[in-house]
C-alpha cells in the first residue's frame, strides 16, 4: 500500500485540472462494496485506495473508470457492455475492465489471480487469451503516469 499512497501524494502535486482530477465525485466504501457484491469480486486494496481518493483520472490515451458519474464511462456499465453475449467478442467472465486505451481495448482485473491483463476487444481468434500486463494496479498506474509525463 505504501507505493500507491506515494503515487497519490505525487498526483496531489499537480493542478487538479491537469488530468481532470477535479471532475471526480467522491465515493464511499459502501458504494464500492455494492459494486464488489454485484461483481462477486473484491477489488485489490490499492485499487480501492485509488477509487476512494480519486475515483477517476484521465491520463493521455488511457483513463481509469470511476464508479457512478457518467454512464458511458462507469465501471459497471462497461463491465456489462463488454460481457454482453450479443456482441461479437464478449469479454471472458473472469475479467473486469477498469482502464480502456484509446482503441477501447481494456486493462482488466482477472478474478482468478487479481493480476492485470490486457483484453483486445476486436480480436476474434477463438484461441486468443488476454495478455498478462502487470502484477498490480499500482504498477499499471505508475507506468501510465511515467508514459504521460515522458510525453508532455
N, C-alpha and C. Protein backbone atom coordinates (compact mmCIF):
# COMPACT_ATOMS: atom_id res chain seq x y z
N UNK A 1 0.82 -1.21 0.00
CA UNK A 1 0.00 0.00 0.00
C UNK A 1 0.85 1.26 0.00
N UNK A 2 2.03 1.17 0.48
CA UNK A 2 2.86 2.37 0.59
C UNK A 2 3.10 3.01 -0.78
N UNK A 3 3.31 2.18 -1.80
CA UNK A 3 3.59 2.70 -3.13
C UNK A 3 2.40 3.48 -3.70
N UNK A 4 1.19 2.96 -3.55
CA UNK A 4 0.01 3.68 -4.06
C UNK A 4 -0.18 4.97 -3.27
N UNK A 5 0.10 4.96 -1.99
CA UNK A 5 0.00 6.18 -1.19
C UNK A 5 0.99 7.24 -1.68
N UNK A 6 2.19 6.79 -2.04
CA UNK A 6 3.19 7.72 -2.59
C UNK A 6 2.74 8.27 -3.94
N UNK A 7 2.15 7.43 -4.77
CA UNK A 7 1.65 7.90 -6.07
C UNK A 7 0.54 8.93 -5.88
N UNK A 8 -0.34 8.70 -4.92
CA UNK A 8 -1.43 9.64 -4.65
C UNK A 8 -0.84 10.98 -4.18
N UNK A 9 0.15 10.93 -3.30
CA UNK A 9 0.80 12.17 -2.84
C UNK A 9 1.45 12.89 -4.02
N UNK A 10 2.07 12.12 -4.91
CA UNK A 10 2.70 12.70 -6.09
C UNK A 10 1.65 13.36 -6.98
N UNK A 11 0.53 12.68 -7.19
CA UNK A 11 -0.55 13.24 -8.01
C UNK A 11 -1.10 14.53 -7.42
N UNK A 12 -1.12 14.60 -6.12
CA UNK A 12 -1.65 15.79 -5.44
C UNK A 12 -0.80 17.03 -5.68
N UNK A 13 0.40 16.86 -6.21
CA UNK A 13 1.27 18.00 -6.53
C UNK A 13 0.88 18.68 -7.84
N UNK A 14 0.07 18.00 -8.66
CA UNK A 14 -0.33 18.55 -9.95
C UNK A 14 -1.58 19.41 -9.79
N UNK A 15 -1.76 20.39 -10.68
CA UNK A 15 -3.02 21.14 -10.65
C UNK A 15 -4.19 20.18 -10.85
N UNK A 16 -5.27 20.40 -10.15
CA UNK A 16 -6.39 19.46 -10.17
C UNK A 16 -7.03 19.31 -11.55
N UNK A 17 -6.84 20.28 -12.42
CA UNK A 17 -7.46 20.17 -13.74
C UNK A 17 -6.52 19.56 -14.79
N UNK A 18 -5.29 19.23 -14.42
CA UNK A 18 -4.34 18.70 -15.41
C UNK A 18 -4.87 17.43 -16.06
N UNK A 19 -5.23 16.45 -15.24
CA UNK A 19 -5.75 15.20 -15.78
C UNK A 19 -7.17 14.98 -15.26
N UNK A 20 -7.90 16.05 -15.16
CA UNK A 20 -9.32 16.00 -14.77
C UNK A 20 -9.57 15.45 -13.37
N UNK A 21 -8.62 15.65 -12.46
CA UNK A 21 -8.85 15.22 -11.09
C UNK A 21 -10.05 15.94 -10.50
N UNK A 22 -10.25 17.16 -10.95
CA UNK A 22 -11.33 17.98 -10.36
C UNK A 22 -12.72 17.55 -10.82
N UNK A 23 -12.83 16.60 -11.72
CA UNK A 23 -14.15 16.17 -12.20
C UNK A 23 -14.67 14.96 -11.45
N UNK A 24 -13.90 14.41 -10.55
CA UNK A 24 -14.35 13.20 -9.87
C UNK A 24 -15.38 13.51 -8.80
N UNK A 25 -16.20 12.56 -8.55
CA UNK A 25 -17.16 12.63 -7.46
C UNK A 25 -16.70 11.62 -6.42
N UNK A 26 -16.50 12.07 -5.23
CA UNK A 26 -16.02 11.18 -4.18
C UNK A 26 -17.03 10.06 -3.94
N UNK A 27 -16.51 8.89 -3.70
CA UNK A 27 -17.36 7.77 -3.35
C UNK A 27 -16.99 7.31 -1.95
N UNK A 28 -17.85 6.49 -1.38
CA UNK A 28 -17.54 5.95 -0.07
C UNK A 28 -17.43 4.43 -0.15
N UNK A 29 -17.03 3.85 0.94
CA UNK A 29 -16.79 2.40 0.96
C UNK A 29 -18.07 1.60 0.72
N UNK A 30 -19.22 2.12 1.13
CA UNK A 30 -20.46 1.37 0.92
C UNK A 30 -20.80 1.27 -0.57
N UNK A 31 -20.55 2.34 -1.33
CA UNK A 31 -20.79 2.30 -2.78
C UNK A 31 -19.83 1.31 -3.45
N UNK A 32 -18.60 1.32 -3.01
CA UNK A 32 -17.61 0.39 -3.53
C UNK A 32 -18.00 -1.05 -3.20
N UNK A 33 -18.48 -1.27 -2.02
CA UNK A 33 -18.91 -2.61 -1.59
C UNK A 33 -20.10 -3.09 -2.41
N UNK A 34 -21.02 -2.21 -2.73
CA UNK A 34 -22.16 -2.57 -3.59
C UNK A 34 -21.67 -3.11 -4.93
N UNK A 35 -20.71 -2.43 -5.51
CA UNK A 35 -20.17 -2.86 -6.79
C UNK A 35 -19.46 -4.21 -6.65
N UNK A 36 -18.67 -4.35 -5.62
CA UNK A 36 -17.97 -5.63 -5.40
C UNK A 36 -18.97 -6.77 -5.22
N UNK A 37 -20.02 -6.53 -4.49
CA UNK A 37 -21.04 -7.56 -4.29
C UNK A 37 -21.69 -7.95 -5.61
N UNK A 38 -22.00 -6.96 -6.43
CA UNK A 38 -22.60 -7.25 -7.73
C UNK A 38 -21.65 -8.06 -8.61
N UNK A 39 -20.38 -7.69 -8.63
CA UNK A 39 -19.40 -8.35 -9.47
C UNK A 39 -18.91 -9.68 -8.89
N UNK A 40 -19.22 -9.91 -7.63
CA UNK A 40 -18.71 -11.08 -6.92
C UNK A 40 -17.18 -11.11 -6.97
N UNK A 41 -16.63 -9.95 -6.66
CA UNK A 41 -15.18 -9.78 -6.72
C UNK A 41 -14.78 -8.67 -5.75
N UNK A 42 -13.74 -8.93 -5.00
CA UNK A 42 -13.19 -7.91 -4.11
C UNK A 42 -11.99 -7.27 -4.81
N UNK A 43 -12.10 -5.99 -5.07
CA UNK A 43 -11.01 -5.29 -5.75
C UNK A 43 -9.74 -5.32 -4.89
N UNK A 44 -8.58 -5.29 -5.55
CA UNK A 44 -7.33 -5.20 -4.79
C UNK A 44 -7.30 -3.93 -3.94
N UNK A 45 -6.59 -4.00 -2.84
CA UNK A 45 -6.54 -2.88 -1.89
C UNK A 45 -6.03 -1.59 -2.52
N UNK A 46 -5.05 -1.69 -3.40
CA UNK A 46 -4.50 -0.47 -3.99
C UNK A 46 -5.52 0.21 -4.91
N UNK A 47 -6.32 -0.58 -5.62
CA UNK A 47 -7.36 -0.01 -6.48
C UNK A 47 -8.44 0.66 -5.63
N UNK A 48 -8.83 0.01 -4.57
CA UNK A 48 -9.82 0.61 -3.66
C UNK A 48 -9.31 1.94 -3.10
N UNK A 49 -8.06 1.93 -2.70
CA UNK A 49 -7.47 3.16 -2.15
C UNK A 49 -7.52 4.27 -3.20
N UNK A 50 -7.18 3.93 -4.42
CA UNK A 50 -7.22 4.91 -5.50
C UNK A 50 -8.64 5.44 -5.70
N UNK A 51 -9.62 4.54 -5.79
CA UNK A 51 -11.00 4.97 -6.02
C UNK A 51 -11.52 5.85 -4.89
N UNK A 52 -11.18 5.51 -3.68
CA UNK A 52 -11.65 6.29 -2.54
C UNK A 52 -10.98 7.66 -2.46
N UNK A 53 -9.81 7.80 -3.11
CA UNK A 53 -9.12 9.09 -3.12
C UNK A 53 -9.40 9.92 -4.36
N UNK A 54 -9.58 9.25 -5.50
CA UNK A 54 -9.80 9.99 -6.75
C UNK A 54 -11.06 9.57 -7.47
N UNK A 55 -11.28 8.28 -7.59
CA UNK A 55 -12.43 7.74 -8.31
C UNK A 55 -12.39 8.09 -9.79
N UNK A 56 -11.32 8.64 -10.28
CA UNK A 56 -11.22 8.98 -11.70
C UNK A 56 -9.87 9.62 -11.97
N UNK A 57 -9.30 9.29 -13.08
CA UNK A 57 -8.12 10.00 -13.58
C UNK A 57 -8.09 9.81 -15.08
N UNK A 58 -7.75 10.86 -15.78
CA UNK A 58 -7.59 10.77 -17.23
C UNK A 58 -6.13 11.05 -17.53
N UNK A 59 -5.49 10.07 -18.12
CA UNK A 59 -4.09 10.17 -18.49
C UNK A 59 -4.07 10.07 -20.02
N UNK A 60 -3.22 10.83 -20.69
CA UNK A 60 -3.23 10.75 -22.15
C UNK A 60 -3.27 9.30 -22.66
N UNK A 61 -4.24 9.04 -23.49
CA UNK A 61 -4.50 7.77 -24.16
C UNK A 61 -5.16 6.71 -23.28
N UNK A 62 -5.24 6.94 -22.00
CA UNK A 62 -5.87 5.97 -21.12
C UNK A 62 -6.54 6.71 -19.97
N UNK A 63 -7.54 6.12 -19.41
CA UNK A 63 -8.07 6.64 -18.16
C UNK A 63 -8.64 5.47 -17.37
N UNK A 64 -8.91 5.72 -16.12
CA UNK A 64 -9.38 4.68 -15.25
C UNK A 64 -10.84 4.95 -14.95
N UNK A 65 -11.66 3.94 -15.15
CA UNK A 65 -13.08 4.10 -14.91
C UNK A 65 -13.35 4.49 -13.47
N UNK A 66 -14.47 5.13 -13.30
CA UNK A 66 -14.90 5.51 -11.97
C UNK A 66 -16.21 4.79 -11.66
N UNK A 67 -16.66 5.03 -10.50
CA UNK A 67 -17.94 4.46 -10.08
C UNK A 67 -18.96 5.58 -10.08
N UNK A 68 -20.00 5.40 -10.84
CA UNK A 68 -21.15 6.30 -10.93
C UNK A 68 -20.81 7.77 -11.14
N UNK A 69 -20.61 8.12 -12.36
CA UNK A 69 -20.52 9.53 -12.70
C UNK A 69 -21.19 9.76 -14.04
N UNK A 70 -20.54 9.33 -15.11
CA UNK A 70 -21.16 9.41 -16.44
C UNK A 70 -21.41 7.98 -16.90
N UNK A 71 -22.59 7.71 -17.33
CA UNK A 71 -22.99 6.34 -17.63
C UNK A 71 -22.02 5.62 -18.58
N UNK A 72 -21.63 6.26 -19.66
CA UNK A 72 -20.83 5.53 -20.65
C UNK A 72 -19.40 5.23 -20.19
N UNK A 73 -18.95 5.84 -19.12
CA UNK A 73 -17.61 5.54 -18.61
C UNK A 73 -17.62 4.90 -17.23
N UNK A 74 -18.76 4.55 -16.76
CA UNK A 74 -18.90 3.94 -15.45
C UNK A 74 -18.35 2.51 -15.49
N UNK A 75 -17.67 2.11 -14.45
CA UNK A 75 -17.07 0.79 -14.40
C UNK A 75 -18.10 -0.32 -14.58
N UNK A 76 -19.21 -0.22 -13.91
CA UNK A 76 -20.24 -1.26 -14.02
C UNK A 76 -20.86 -1.29 -15.42
N UNK A 77 -21.17 -0.13 -15.98
CA UNK A 77 -21.75 -0.09 -17.33
C UNK A 77 -20.82 -0.73 -18.35
N UNK A 78 -19.53 -0.46 -18.23
CA UNK A 78 -18.59 -1.05 -19.18
C UNK A 78 -18.40 -2.54 -18.94
N UNK A 79 -18.44 -2.94 -17.71
CA UNK A 79 -18.39 -4.38 -17.41
C UNK A 79 -19.57 -5.08 -18.10
N UNK A 80 -20.76 -4.54 -17.94
CA UNK A 80 -21.96 -5.14 -18.53
C UNK A 80 -21.90 -5.14 -20.05
N UNK A 81 -21.47 -4.05 -20.65
CA UNK A 81 -21.44 -3.99 -22.11
C UNK A 81 -20.36 -4.89 -22.69
N UNK A 82 -19.21 -4.99 -22.05
CA UNK A 82 -18.13 -5.85 -22.55
C UNK A 82 -18.44 -7.34 -22.37
N UNK A 83 -19.33 -7.67 -21.45
CA UNK A 83 -19.69 -9.06 -21.21
C UNK A 83 -21.01 -9.46 -21.86
N UNK A 84 -21.57 -8.57 -22.62
CA UNK A 84 -22.84 -8.84 -23.30
C UNK A 84 -22.63 -9.95 -24.33
N UNK A 85 -23.35 -11.03 -24.16
CA UNK A 85 -23.20 -12.19 -25.06
C UNK A 85 -23.70 -11.92 -26.47
N UNK A 86 -24.36 -10.79 -26.68
CA UNK A 86 -24.86 -10.45 -28.01
C UNK A 86 -23.78 -9.82 -28.89
N UNK A 87 -22.69 -9.35 -28.30
CA UNK A 87 -21.63 -8.74 -29.11
C UNK A 87 -20.75 -9.83 -29.71
N UNK A 88 -20.01 -9.50 -30.74
CA UNK A 88 -19.23 -10.48 -31.48
C UNK A 88 -18.13 -11.13 -30.63
N UNK A 89 -17.51 -10.38 -29.76
CA UNK A 89 -16.40 -10.90 -28.99
C UNK A 89 -16.53 -10.50 -27.52
N UNK A 90 -17.44 -11.12 -26.78
CA UNK A 90 -17.62 -10.72 -25.39
C UNK A 90 -16.39 -11.06 -24.55
N UNK A 91 -16.17 -10.24 -23.56
CA UNK A 91 -15.06 -10.43 -22.65
C UNK A 91 -15.32 -11.66 -21.78
N UNK A 92 -14.28 -12.43 -21.47
CA UNK A 92 -14.49 -13.58 -20.58
C UNK A 92 -15.02 -13.12 -19.21
N UNK A 93 -15.82 -13.94 -18.59
CA UNK A 93 -16.46 -13.60 -17.32
C UNK A 93 -15.46 -13.27 -16.21
N UNK A 94 -14.27 -13.83 -16.30
CA UNK A 94 -13.30 -13.64 -15.22
C UNK A 94 -12.55 -12.30 -15.30
N UNK A 95 -12.82 -11.50 -16.33
CA UNK A 95 -12.14 -10.20 -16.46
C UNK A 95 -13.07 -9.05 -16.06
N UNK A 96 -12.50 -8.06 -15.40
CA UNK A 96 -13.24 -6.85 -15.01
C UNK A 96 -12.49 -5.65 -15.56
N UNK A 97 -13.04 -5.01 -16.59
CA UNK A 97 -12.34 -3.87 -17.21
C UNK A 97 -12.35 -2.63 -16.30
N UNK A 98 -11.18 -1.99 -16.21
CA UNK A 98 -11.12 -0.76 -15.41
C UNK A 98 -10.41 0.37 -16.12
N UNK A 99 -9.77 0.09 -17.24
CA UNK A 99 -8.99 1.13 -17.91
C UNK A 99 -8.94 0.86 -19.41
N UNK A 100 -9.63 1.67 -20.21
CA UNK A 100 -9.55 1.49 -21.67
C UNK A 100 -8.35 2.24 -22.24
N UNK A 101 -7.86 1.74 -23.36
CA UNK A 101 -6.89 2.54 -24.09
C UNK A 101 -7.65 3.32 -25.16
N UNK A 102 -6.95 4.03 -25.99
CA UNK A 102 -7.61 4.89 -26.97
C UNK A 102 -8.29 4.09 -28.08
N UNK A 103 -8.08 2.76 -28.13
CA UNK A 103 -8.74 1.91 -29.12
C UNK A 103 -9.89 1.11 -28.50
N UNK A 104 -10.23 1.40 -27.26
CA UNK A 104 -11.28 0.72 -26.49
C UNK A 104 -10.98 -0.74 -26.20
N UNK A 105 -9.69 -1.06 -26.19
CA UNK A 105 -9.26 -2.30 -25.58
C UNK A 105 -9.16 -1.98 -24.09
N UNK A 106 -9.00 -2.99 -23.25
CA UNK A 106 -9.07 -2.73 -21.81
C UNK A 106 -7.97 -3.42 -21.02
N UNK A 107 -7.53 -2.72 -19.99
CA UNK A 107 -6.78 -3.35 -18.92
C UNK A 107 -7.83 -3.82 -17.93
N UNK A 108 -7.65 -5.05 -17.45
CA UNK A 108 -8.68 -5.69 -16.65
C UNK A 108 -8.07 -6.39 -15.44
N UNK A 109 -8.86 -6.44 -14.38
CA UNK A 109 -8.51 -7.33 -13.28
C UNK A 109 -8.97 -8.73 -13.65
N UNK A 110 -8.16 -9.69 -13.32
CA UNK A 110 -8.51 -11.08 -13.54
C UNK A 110 -9.00 -11.63 -12.20
N UNK A 111 -10.24 -12.06 -12.15
CA UNK A 111 -10.82 -12.58 -10.91
C UNK A 111 -10.06 -13.80 -10.39
N UNK A 112 -9.38 -14.52 -11.28
CA UNK A 112 -8.71 -15.75 -10.89
C UNK A 112 -7.43 -15.50 -10.08
N UNK A 113 -6.69 -14.44 -10.43
CA UNK A 113 -5.40 -14.23 -9.75
C UNK A 113 -5.16 -12.79 -9.29
N UNK A 114 -6.14 -11.90 -9.50
CA UNK A 114 -6.05 -10.48 -9.10
C UNK A 114 -4.98 -9.70 -9.85
N UNK A 115 -4.43 -10.27 -10.89
CA UNK A 115 -3.43 -9.57 -11.69
C UNK A 115 -4.12 -8.85 -12.83
N UNK A 116 -3.36 -8.05 -13.55
CA UNK A 116 -3.91 -7.23 -14.62
C UNK A 116 -3.55 -7.83 -15.98
N UNK A 117 -4.59 -7.91 -16.81
CA UNK A 117 -4.44 -8.45 -18.15
C UNK A 117 -4.99 -7.45 -19.16
N UNK A 118 -4.48 -7.57 -20.38
CA UNK A 118 -4.92 -6.70 -21.47
C UNK A 118 -5.87 -7.48 -22.36
N UNK A 119 -7.06 -6.92 -22.56
CA UNK A 119 -8.08 -7.54 -23.40
C UNK A 119 -8.24 -6.72 -24.67
N UNK A 120 -8.03 -7.36 -25.81
CA UNK A 120 -8.23 -6.70 -27.10
C UNK A 120 -9.64 -7.01 -27.57
N UNK A 121 -10.47 -5.98 -27.58
CA UNK A 121 -11.90 -6.19 -27.85
C UNK A 121 -12.21 -6.68 -29.25
N UNK A 122 -11.35 -6.40 -30.22
CA UNK A 122 -11.65 -6.78 -31.60
C UNK A 122 -10.81 -7.95 -32.10
N UNK A 123 -10.27 -8.73 -31.19
CA UNK A 123 -9.53 -9.93 -31.59
C UNK A 123 -10.52 -11.09 -31.64
N UNK A 124 -10.68 -11.65 -32.79
CA UNK A 124 -11.68 -12.71 -32.96
C UNK A 124 -11.07 -14.10 -33.06
N UNK A 125 -9.82 -14.23 -32.71
CA UNK A 125 -9.17 -15.54 -32.67
C UNK A 125 -9.70 -16.29 -31.45
N UNK A 126 -10.40 -17.37 -31.66
CA UNK A 126 -11.02 -18.10 -30.55
C UNK A 126 -10.00 -18.70 -29.59
N UNK A 127 -8.76 -18.83 -30.03
CA UNK A 127 -7.72 -19.40 -29.17
C UNK A 127 -6.93 -18.33 -28.43
N UNK A 128 -7.24 -17.05 -28.69
CA UNK A 128 -6.50 -15.97 -28.06
C UNK A 128 -6.93 -15.80 -26.61
N UNK A 129 -5.98 -15.60 -25.74
CA UNK A 129 -6.25 -15.33 -24.34
C UNK A 129 -5.75 -13.93 -24.00
N UNK A 130 -6.31 -13.32 -22.98
CA UNK A 130 -5.83 -12.00 -22.58
C UNK A 130 -4.34 -12.05 -22.25
N UNK A 131 -3.65 -10.97 -22.56
CA UNK A 131 -2.22 -10.89 -22.30
C UNK A 131 -1.95 -10.37 -20.90
N UNK A 132 -1.03 -11.01 -20.20
CA UNK A 132 -0.63 -10.52 -18.89
C UNK A 132 -0.02 -9.13 -19.05
N UNK A 133 -0.37 -8.22 -18.15
CA UNK A 133 0.17 -6.86 -18.22
C UNK A 133 0.97 -6.49 -16.98
N UNK A 134 0.40 -6.67 -15.80
CA UNK A 134 1.04 -6.22 -14.57
C UNK A 134 0.59 -7.04 -13.38
N UNK A 135 1.43 -7.03 -12.37
CA UNK A 135 1.10 -7.72 -11.12
C UNK A 135 0.05 -6.95 -10.33
N UNK A 136 0.13 -5.61 -10.37
CA UNK A 136 -0.74 -4.81 -9.51
C UNK A 136 -1.28 -3.58 -10.24
N UNK A 137 -2.36 -3.05 -9.70
CA UNK A 137 -2.90 -1.80 -10.19
C UNK A 137 -1.89 -0.67 -10.03
N UNK A 138 -1.19 -0.64 -8.92
CA UNK A 138 -0.21 0.41 -8.67
C UNK A 138 0.85 0.43 -9.76
N UNK A 139 1.33 -0.74 -10.16
CA UNK A 139 2.33 -0.81 -11.23
C UNK A 139 1.76 -0.28 -12.55
N UNK A 140 0.50 -0.62 -12.85
CA UNK A 140 -0.14 -0.15 -14.09
C UNK A 140 -0.27 1.37 -14.05
N UNK A 141 -0.71 1.93 -12.92
CA UNK A 141 -0.85 3.37 -12.77
C UNK A 141 0.50 4.06 -12.89
N UNK A 142 1.49 3.51 -12.28
CA UNK A 142 2.84 4.09 -12.34
C UNK A 142 3.35 4.12 -13.78
N UNK A 143 3.13 3.06 -14.54
CA UNK A 143 3.53 3.03 -15.95
C UNK A 143 2.77 4.08 -16.75
N UNK A 144 1.46 4.17 -16.52
CA UNK A 144 0.64 5.18 -17.21
C UNK A 144 1.18 6.58 -16.96
N UNK A 145 1.45 6.89 -15.70
CA UNK A 145 1.94 8.22 -15.33
C UNK A 145 3.30 8.50 -15.94
N UNK A 146 4.18 7.52 -15.88
CA UNK A 146 5.53 7.70 -16.44
C UNK A 146 5.42 7.98 -17.95
N UNK A 147 4.63 7.20 -18.66
CA UNK A 147 4.47 7.40 -20.10
C UNK A 147 3.88 8.79 -20.39
N UNK A 148 2.89 9.19 -19.60
CA UNK A 148 2.27 10.50 -19.81
C UNK A 148 3.26 11.63 -19.56
N UNK A 149 4.02 11.54 -18.50
CA UNK A 149 4.98 12.60 -18.17
C UNK A 149 6.13 12.65 -19.17
N UNK A 150 6.54 11.50 -19.67
CA UNK A 150 7.60 11.45 -20.68
C UNK A 150 7.16 12.12 -21.98
N UNK A 151 5.85 12.15 -22.22
CA UNK A 151 5.34 12.71 -23.47
C UNK A 151 4.77 14.11 -23.33
N UNK A 152 4.90 14.72 -22.16
CA UNK A 152 4.40 16.09 -22.01
C UNK A 152 5.28 17.09 -22.74
